[in-house]
């Protein structure tokens, strides 16, 4: 893979007057009414939201009592997997406002599109494959085909609109994960509504059982597939520390998209009943392992950026302004590998006990936030304070 270091001009591309892009008063990373892509996002969500509501209204209304009773499970699942995703962001690249919008998009647009496409894809699979095979493999083909492209579209749109602050593969991973998470939660609610009347005893048991199962196995579900594709989107859009050719960027995106699609296909693939539980565990291990490998790539790219940002902070004399000792290794090791981060905390505790370790953790968050803010200089969005 050929690549060349980003030129200084490219690295400083974001250093410009934000009003030149959006006009006075629009110093926000996503509210950009002069952008056609921003309007595309609004229109899609505006159509997808009501579209989903109309599509599920009948089943949701019929199962409203069990859905309300198990609503806390949906909320806990959303919060739990959000924490898991943020845990995979050790360098604090997260943008809370953007991630919230990603959940909204994921719960509306791709769900709406998939509802229309799945039925046709199931029918097409049944026609193309031998008799009996199409019915068994319909979900494996239709699911990823109808759903992944809609979620990917959201990642592309969000990263284009927030182009001044979403600059690296880690941002693609986070946006993709939260788009997938929004889709995943609404899909769980839909499954609960549809499964409620299937239980012979009562609607609550039917809804509760499927919700509990899908929440438990959700660790390897939509958030993970789209997080992986999101890294590919970042490469496609050139959101990397090093520059890559269009061919390399496109090929990388295609590879990551097929990887996410393939993992979804694998999960939906039918399994023999006698080995279903074992194969489910195998699938979970495989998908989580692949995600960790992709996340390691994003972390490596993020560390390259952080090294540039650390140099920028030191040369810019921001240490006193931020009340940070930029020569304190226990603090600056926060931008290193997991081994370096753990070593820094051990040294902090060794030198000053638990109190010092707690202080260092707080300083590390401030340091990482400053490194992230360095990349937003000139954007008008959460910038570093003026050096005094």
Protein backbone atom coordinates (compact mmCIF):
# COMPACT_ATOMS: atom_id res chain seq x y z
CA UNK A 1 0.00 0.00 0.00
CA UNK A 2 1.75 3.14 -1.16
CA UNK A 3 1.32 6.27 0.87
CA UNK A 4 3.00 9.58 1.46
CA UNK A 5 3.01 11.80 4.55
CA UNK A 6 0.37 14.48 4.58
CA UNK A 7 1.76 17.84 3.58
CA UNK A 8 1.70 20.73 6.06
CA UNK A 9 -0.84 22.47 3.84
CA UNK A 10 -3.16 19.47 4.05
CA UNK A 11 -2.76 19.13 7.80
CA UNK A 12 -3.71 22.78 8.20
CA UNK A 13 -6.65 22.56 5.82
CA UNK A 14 -9.08 23.03 8.73
CA UNK A 15 -7.34 26.21 9.88
CA UNK A 16 -9.67 28.72 8.28
CA UNK A 17 -12.44 31.11 9.12
CA UNK A 18 -15.52 28.94 9.70
CA UNK A 19 -17.83 31.76 8.63
CA UNK A 20 -16.37 31.42 5.12
CA UNK A 21 -18.03 28.01 4.92
CA UNK A 22 -21.31 28.48 6.75
CA UNK A 23 -21.83 32.17 7.25
CA UNK A 24 -21.90 34.19 10.52
CA UNK A 25 -23.35 32.37 13.51
CA UNK A 26 -22.88 28.85 12.15
CA UNK A 27 -19.86 27.82 14.19
CA UNK A 28 -21.28 24.36 14.74
CA UNK A 29 -19.84 21.12 13.48
CA UNK A 30 -23.13 19.82 12.09
CA UNK A 31 -25.56 22.72 11.69
CA UNK A 32 -24.53 23.75 8.19
CA UNK A 33 -27.59 24.95 6.23
CA UNK A 34 -25.42 26.09 3.33
CA UNK A 35 -24.40 22.47 2.72
CA UNK A 36 -26.50 20.39 0.33
CA UNK A 37 -25.39 17.25 2.19
CA UNK A 38 -26.77 18.68 5.46
CA UNK A 39 -30.14 19.12 3.76
CA UNK A 40 -29.90 15.57 2.41
CA UNK A 41 -29.45 14.33 5.99
CA UNK A 42 -32.46 16.34 7.18
CA UNK A 43 -34.66 15.17 4.30
CA UNK A 44 -33.73 11.51 4.75
CA UNK A 45 -34.37 11.57 8.50
CA UNK A 46 -37.56 13.60 7.90
CA UNK A 47 -38.81 10.90 5.54
CA UNK A 48 -37.36 7.90 7.36
CA UNK A 49 -38.79 8.78 10.77
CA UNK A 50 -42.45 8.96 9.71
CA UNK A 51 -41.85 6.08 7.28
CA UNK A 52 -40.73 3.79 10.09
CA UNK A 53 -43.59 4.92 12.32
CA UNK A 54 -46.17 4.14 9.65
CA UNK A 55 -44.57 0.77 8.89
CA UNK A 56 -44.50 -0.45 12.49
CA UNK A 57 -47.54 1.35 13.87
CA UNK A 58 -49.85 -1.65 13.65
CA UNK A 59 -47.55 -4.15 15.38
CA UNK A 60 -46.38 -1.61 17.97
CA UNK A 61 -49.93 -0.60 18.84
CA UNK A 62 -51.01 -4.23 19.25
CA UNK A 63 -48.07 -4.92 21.57
CA UNK A 64 -47.92 -1.56 23.34
CA UNK A 65 -48.36 -2.97 26.87
CA UNK A 66 -45.50 -5.52 26.75
CA UNK A 67 -43.31 -3.00 24.89
CA UNK A 68 -43.81 -0.43 27.64
CA UNK A 69 -43.10 -3.06 30.29
CA UNK A 70 -39.76 -4.04 28.74
CA UNK A 71 -38.79 -0.52 27.64
CA UNK A 72 -36.13 -0.32 30.41
CA UNK A 73 -34.33 -3.26 28.77
CA UNK A 74 -34.07 -1.32 25.51
CA UNK A 75 -32.75 1.73 27.38
CA UNK A 76 -30.20 -0.33 29.33
CA UNK A 77 -29.08 -2.10 26.15
CA UNK A 78 -28.58 1.22 24.37
CA UNK A 79 -26.59 2.61 27.30
CA UNK A 80 -24.56 -0.56 27.75
CA UNK A 81 -23.44 -0.84 24.14
CA UNK A 82 -22.78 2.90 23.99
CA UNK A 83 -20.38 2.38 26.91
CA UNK A 84 -18.76 -0.54 25.06
CA UNK A 85 -18.18 1.61 21.98
CA UNK A 86 -16.78 4.49 24.05
CA UNK A 87 -14.50 2.02 25.82
CA UNK A 88 -13.10 1.28 22.36
CA UNK A 89 -12.22 4.99 22.12
CA UNK A 90 -9.28 5.28 24.56
CA UNK A 91 -8.06 8.52 22.95
CA UNK A 92 -11.35 10.42 23.39
CA UNK A 93 -11.99 11.13 19.70
CA UNK A 94 -15.74 11.02 20.41
CA UNK A 95 -18.05 13.90 19.41
CA UNK A 96 -21.21 13.47 21.55
CA UNK A 97 -23.52 15.63 19.44
CA UNK A 98 -22.51 13.82 16.27
CA UNK A 99 -22.91 10.39 17.86
CA UNK A 100 -26.41 11.30 19.05
CA UNK A 101 -27.39 12.25 15.50
CA UNK A 102 -25.85 9.00 14.28
CA UNK A 103 -28.20 7.03 16.55
CA UNK A 104 -31.17 9.03 15.24
CA UNK A 105 -30.18 8.33 11.65
CA UNK A 106 -29.59 4.63 12.33
CA UNK A 107 -32.99 4.22 13.96
CA UNK A 108 -34.84 5.83 11.06
CA UNK A 109 -33.38 5.91 7.55
CA UNK A 110 -31.75 2.47 7.10
CA UNK A 111 -34.63 0.85 8.99
CA UNK A 112 -37.14 2.49 6.68
CA UNK A 113 -35.17 1.53 3.56
CA UNK A 114 -34.67 -2.05 4.75
CA UNK A 115 -38.36 -2.52 5.46
CA UNK A 116 -39.08 -1.83 1.79
CA UNK A 117 -36.16 -3.83 0.40
CA UNK A 118 -36.16 -6.99 2.51
CA UNK A 119 -39.37 -8.46 1.13
CA UNK A 120 -38.17 -8.06 -2.47
CA UNK A 121 -34.73 -9.48 -1.68
CA UNK A 122 -36.22 -12.51 0.05
CA UNK A 123 -38.37 -13.17 -3.03
CA UNK A 124 -35.38 -12.70 -5.34
CA UNK A 125 -33.23 -15.08 -3.29
CA UNK A 126 -35.96 -17.72 -3.38
CA UNK A 127 -36.09 -17.47 -7.19
CA UNK A 128 -32.34 -17.52 -7.80
CA UNK A 129 -31.38 -20.32 -5.42
CA UNK A 130 -32.51 -23.96 -5.64
CA UNK A 131 -35.84 -24.91 -4.13
CA UNK A 132 -35.67 -24.92 -0.32
CA UNK A 133 -32.25 -23.27 -0.21
CA UNK A 134 -33.59 -19.79 -0.88
CA UNK A 135 -35.89 -19.90 2.13
CA UNK A 136 -33.06 -21.00 4.43
CA UNK A 137 -30.51 -18.50 3.16
CA UNK A 138 -32.86 -15.59 2.47
CA UNK A 139 -32.03 -13.79 5.73
CA UNK A 140 -28.29 -14.25 5.21
CA UNK A 141 -28.47 -12.58 1.80
CA UNK A 142 -31.29 -10.07 2.26
CA UNK A 143 -30.25 -8.78 5.71
CA UNK A 144 -26.78 -7.44 4.96
CA UNK A 145 -27.70 -6.47 1.40
CA UNK A 146 -30.67 -4.31 2.35
CA UNK A 147 -29.31 -2.93 5.61
CA UNK A 148 -25.58 -2.30 5.34
CA UNK A 149 -25.73 0.09 2.40
CA UNK A 150 -28.33 2.25 4.15
CA UNK A 151 -26.23 2.46 7.31
CA UNK A 152 -23.10 3.13 5.26
CA UNK A 153 -24.87 5.99 3.49
CA UNK A 154 -25.49 7.56 6.89
CA UNK A 155 -21.83 7.31 7.89
CA UNK A 156 -20.80 8.96 4.61
CA UNK A 157 -23.34 11.77 4.97
CA UNK A 158 -22.48 12.50 8.61
CA UNK A 159 -18.74 12.53 7.95
CA UNK A 160 -19.24 14.84 4.96
CA UNK A 161 -21.37 17.30 6.91
CA UNK A 162 -19.01 17.31 9.92
CA UNK A 163 -15.92 17.25 7.70
CA UNK A 164 -14.09 19.83 9.83
CA UNK A 165 -14.16 17.73 12.98
CA UNK A 166 -14.40 14.11 11.77
CA UNK A 167 -10.94 13.71 10.30
CA UNK A 168 -9.68 10.19 11.03
CA UNK A 169 -10.59 6.47 10.93
CA UNK A 170 -11.41 6.53 14.65
CA UNK A 171 -14.20 8.99 13.87
CA UNK A 172 -15.48 6.65 11.17
CA UNK A 173 -15.50 3.75 13.63
CA UNK A 174 -17.44 5.76 16.22
CA UNK A 175 -19.99 7.20 13.80
CA UNK A 176 -20.51 3.77 12.22
CA UNK A 177 -20.94 2.11 15.60
CA UNK A 178 -23.60 4.57 16.73
CA UNK A 179 -25.47 4.44 13.40
CA UNK A 180 -25.50 0.66 13.78
CA UNK A 181 -26.55 0.95 17.41
CA UNK A 182 -29.57 3.07 16.53
CA UNK A 183 -30.60 0.51 13.91
CA UNK A 184 -29.99 -2.36 16.32
CA UNK A 185 -32.17 -0.97 19.11
CA UNK A 186 -35.12 -0.21 16.85
CA UNK A 187 -34.79 -3.66 15.27
CA UNK A 188 -34.92 -5.20 18.77
CA UNK A 189 -38.10 -3.26 19.54
CA UNK A 190 -39.61 -4.42 16.24
CA UNK A 191 -38.75 -8.07 16.94
CA UNK A 192 -40.32 -7.76 20.39
CA UNK A 193 -43.52 -6.33 18.93
CA UNK A 194 -43.77 -9.02 16.26
CA UNK A 195 -42.96 -11.83 18.70
CA UNK A 196 -45.38 -10.71 21.42
CA UNK A 197 -48.45 -12.57 20.07
CA UNK A 198 -46.44 -15.73 19.28
CA UNK A 199 -46.37 -16.97 22.87
CA UNK A 200 -49.30 -19.17 23.91
CA UNK A 201 -49.32 -17.82 27.46
CA UNK A 202 -49.21 -14.05 27.11
CA UNK A 203 -47.82 -11.26 24.95
CA UNK A 204 -45.32 -10.15 27.59
CA UNK A 205 -43.54 -13.52 27.63
CA UNK A 206 -43.19 -13.52 23.85
CA UNK A 207 -41.79 -9.98 23.74
CA UNK A 208 -39.58 -10.41 26.81
CA UNK A 209 -37.94 -13.66 25.68
CA UNK A 210 -36.85 -12.39 22.26
CA UNK A 211 -35.70 -9.07 23.73
CA UNK A 212 -33.58 -10.78 26.35
CA UNK A 213 -31.97 -13.04 23.74
CA UNK A 214 -31.26 -10.26 21.23
CA UNK A 215 -29.89 -8.00 23.96
CA UNK A 216 -27.54 -10.74 25.15
CA UNK A 217 -26.14 -11.53 21.71
CA UNK A 218 -26.11 -7.87 20.64
CA UNK A 219 -22.41 -7.65 21.45
CA UNK A 220 -21.77 -8.89 17.89
CA UNK A 221 -24.60 -7.16 16.08
CA UNK A 222 -25.19 -4.10 13.88
CA UNK A 223 -23.07 -1.63 15.85
CA UNK A 224 -20.03 -3.81 15.17
CA UNK A 225 -20.64 -4.35 11.45
CA UNK A 226 -21.13 -0.65 10.72
CA UNK A 227 -18.22 0.39 12.94
CA UNK A 228 -15.94 -1.67 10.70
CA UNK A 229 -17.46 -0.21 7.55
CA UNK A 230 -17.09 3.26 9.08
CA UNK A 231 -13.32 2.85 9.15
CA UNK A 232 -13.50 2.08 5.43
CA UNK A 233 -15.59 5.22 4.86
CA UNK A 234 -12.88 7.30 6.57
CA UNK A 235 -10.31 5.90 4.14
CA UNK A 236 -12.63 6.50 1.19
CA UNK A 237 -13.03 10.17 2.14
CA UNK A 238 -9.32 10.64 2.72
CA UNK A 239 -9.72 11.06 6.50
CA UNK A 240 -6.32 9.62 7.36
CA UNK A 241 -3.06 11.03 8.68
CA UNK A 242 -1.21 9.82 5.60
CA UNK A 243 -2.37 10.50 2.07
CA UNK A 244 -3.39 7.59 -0.12
CA UNK A 245 -4.23 7.39 -3.79
CA UNK A 246 -7.86 7.25 -4.91
CA UNK A 247 -7.37 3.64 -5.95
CA UNK A 248 -6.04 2.65 -2.53
CA UNK A 249 -8.79 4.57 -0.73
CA UNK A 250 -11.53 3.01 -2.85
CA UNK A 251 -10.10 -0.49 -2.56
CA UNK A 252 -9.77 -0.10 1.22
CA UNK A 253 -13.38 1.02 1.51
CA UNK A 254 -14.61 -1.88 -0.63
CA UNK A 255 -12.60 -4.28 1.51
CA UNK A 256 -14.02 -2.97 4.78
CA UNK A 257 -17.56 -2.86 3.38
CA UNK A 258 -17.32 -6.47 2.24
CA UNK A 259 -15.89 -7.39 5.63
CA UNK A 260 -18.87 -5.83 7.45
CA UNK A 261 -21.30 -7.33 4.93
CA UNK A 262 -19.64 -10.73 5.28
CA UNK A 263 -19.83 -10.67 9.07
CA UNK A 264 -23.54 -9.85 8.84
CA UNK A 265 -23.99 -12.66 6.30
CA UNK A 266 -22.16 -15.07 8.61
CA UNK A 267 -24.36 -14.13 11.55
CA UNK A 268 -27.58 -14.59 9.58
CA UNK A 269 -26.44 -17.83 7.95
CA UNK A 270 -28.54 -20.84 9.01
CA UNK A 271 -27.06 -23.35 11.46
CA UNK A 272 -28.01 -26.97 12.19
CA UNK A 273 -30.33 -27.05 15.20
CA UNK A 274 -28.14 -29.51 17.10
CA UNK A 275 -25.12 -27.18 16.85
CA UNK A 276 -26.87 -23.79 16.84
CA UNK A 277 -25.69 -22.70 20.31
CA UNK A 278 -22.06 -23.68 19.70
CA UNK A 279 -21.97 -22.06 16.27
CA UNK A 280 -23.50 -18.89 17.70
CA UNK A 281 -20.62 -18.64 20.20
CA UNK A 282 -18.13 -19.27 17.39
CA UNK A 283 -19.69 -16.48 15.33
CA UNK A 284 -19.52 -14.10 18.30
CA UNK A 285 -15.83 -14.87 18.85
CA UNK A 286 -15.05 -14.41 15.15
CA UNK A 287 -16.87 -11.07 14.84
CA UNK A 288 -15.40 -9.62 18.03
CA UNK A 289 -11.91 -10.72 17.01
CA UNK A 290 -12.27 -9.03 13.62
CA UNK A 291 -13.58 -5.88 15.26
CA UNK A 292 -10.60 -5.74 17.63
CA UNK A 293 -8.20 -6.07 14.69
CA UNK A 294 -9.93 -3.24 12.83
CA UNK A 295 -10.04 -1.12 15.99
CA UNK A 296 -6.29 -1.64 16.43
CA UNK A 297 -5.80 -0.19 12.96
CA UNK A 298 -7.90 2.84 13.91
CA UNK A 299 -5.99 3.22 17.20
CA UNK A 300 -2.67 3.08 15.38
CA UNK A 301 -3.78 5.83 13.00
CA UNK A 302 -5.07 7.85 15.95
CA UNK A 303 -1.70 7.61 17.71
CA UNK A 304 -0.01 9.00 14.60
CA UNK A 305 -2.27 12.02 14.79
CA UNK A 306 -1.78 12.38 18.55
CA UNK A 307 1.99 12.45 18.07
CA UNK A 308 1.58 15.38 15.68
CA UNK A 309 -0.81 17.10 18.08
CA UNK A 310 1.55 16.61 21.05
CA UNK A 311 4.32 18.31 19.09
CA UNK A 312 1.92 21.12 18.24
CA UNK A 313 0.99 21.64 21.90
CA UNK A 314 4.61 21.76 23.01
CA UNK A 315 5.75 24.07 20.23
CA UNK A 316 2.70 26.28 20.72
CA UNK A 317 3.40 26.69 24.45
CA UNK A 318 -0.06 25.51 25.52
CA UNK A 319 1.14 23.71 28.66
CA UNK A 320 0.71 26.59 31.15
CA UNK A 321 -2.59 27.68 29.58
CA UNK A 322 -3.99 24.19 29.95
CA UNK A 323 -2.41 23.77 33.40
CA UNK A 324 -0.60 20.67 32.13
CA UNK A 325 3.00 19.57 32.48
CA UNK A 326 3.67 18.38 28.94
CA UNK A 327 6.90 16.75 30.12
CA UNK A 328 5.13 14.50 32.66
CA UNK A 329 5.31 11.02 31.19
CA UNK A 330 2.60 9.66 33.48
CA UNK A 331 0.19 12.09 31.80
CA UNK A 332 1.46 12.12 28.21
CA UNK A 333 1.56 8.31 28.09
CA UNK A 334 -2.22 8.56 27.71
CA UNK A 335 -1.56 8.99 23.99
CA UNK A 336 0.49 5.80 23.80
CA UNK A 337 -0.25 2.12 23.44
CA UNK A 338 -2.23 0.19 26.04
CA UNK A 339 1.02 -1.08 27.56
CA UNK A 340 2.41 2.47 27.79
CA UNK A 341 -0.81 3.78 29.32
CA UNK A 342 -0.82 1.08 31.99
CA UNK A 343 2.86 1.67 32.73
CA UNK A 344 2.21 5.38 33.20
CA UNK A 345 -0.55 4.72 35.72
CA UNK A 346 1.64 2.27 37.63
CA UNK A 347 4.37 4.89 37.87
CA UNK A 348 1.84 7.45 39.10
CA UNK A 349 0.62 5.14 41.85
CA UNK A 350 4.18 4.19 42.77
CA UNK A 351 5.17 7.84 43.15
CA UNK A 352 2.11 9.15 44.97
CA UNK A 353 -0.29 6.35 45.84
CA UNK A 354 -3.93 6.13 44.84
CA UNK A 355 -4.43 9.86 45.19
CA UNK A 356 -1.77 10.60 42.59
CA UNK A 357 -3.15 7.92 40.29
CA UNK A 358 -6.61 9.48 40.47
CA UNK A 359 -5.18 12.93 39.74
CA UNK A 360 -3.22 11.60 36.79
CA UNK A 361 -6.37 10.03 35.33
CA UNK A 362 -8.06 13.43 35.42
CA UNK A 363 -5.02 15.13 33.88
CA UNK A 364 -4.91 12.49 31.17
CA UNK A 365 -8.47 13.24 30.10
CA UNK A 366 -7.62 16.94 29.93
CA UNK A 367 -4.47 16.16 27.94
CA UNK A 368 -6.29 13.95 25.44
CA UNK A 369 -9.08 16.49 25.06
CA UNK A 370 -6.42 19.14 24.32
CA UNK A 371 -4.79 16.91 21.71
CA UNK A 372 -8.16 16.36 20.05
CA UNK A 373 -8.93 20.08 20.17
CA UNK A 374 -5.60 20.83 18.46
CA UNK A 375 -6.99 19.16 15.33
CA UNK A 376 -10.02 21.49 15.41
CA UNK A 377 -7.99 24.71 15.47
CA UNK A 378 -9.50 27.31 13.19
CA UNK A 379 -12.88 25.55 12.91
CA UNK A 380 -14.72 27.51 15.58
CA UNK A 381 -15.72 24.22 17.24
CA UNK A 382 -14.39 23.38 20.72
CA UNK A 383 -11.00 24.93 20.04
CA UNK A 384 -8.05 25.26 22.36
CA UNK A 385 -8.00 28.34 24.59
CA UNK A 386 -5.85 31.26 23.51
CA UNK A 387 -2.28 30.95 24.75
CA UNK A 388 -1.74 33.49 27.49
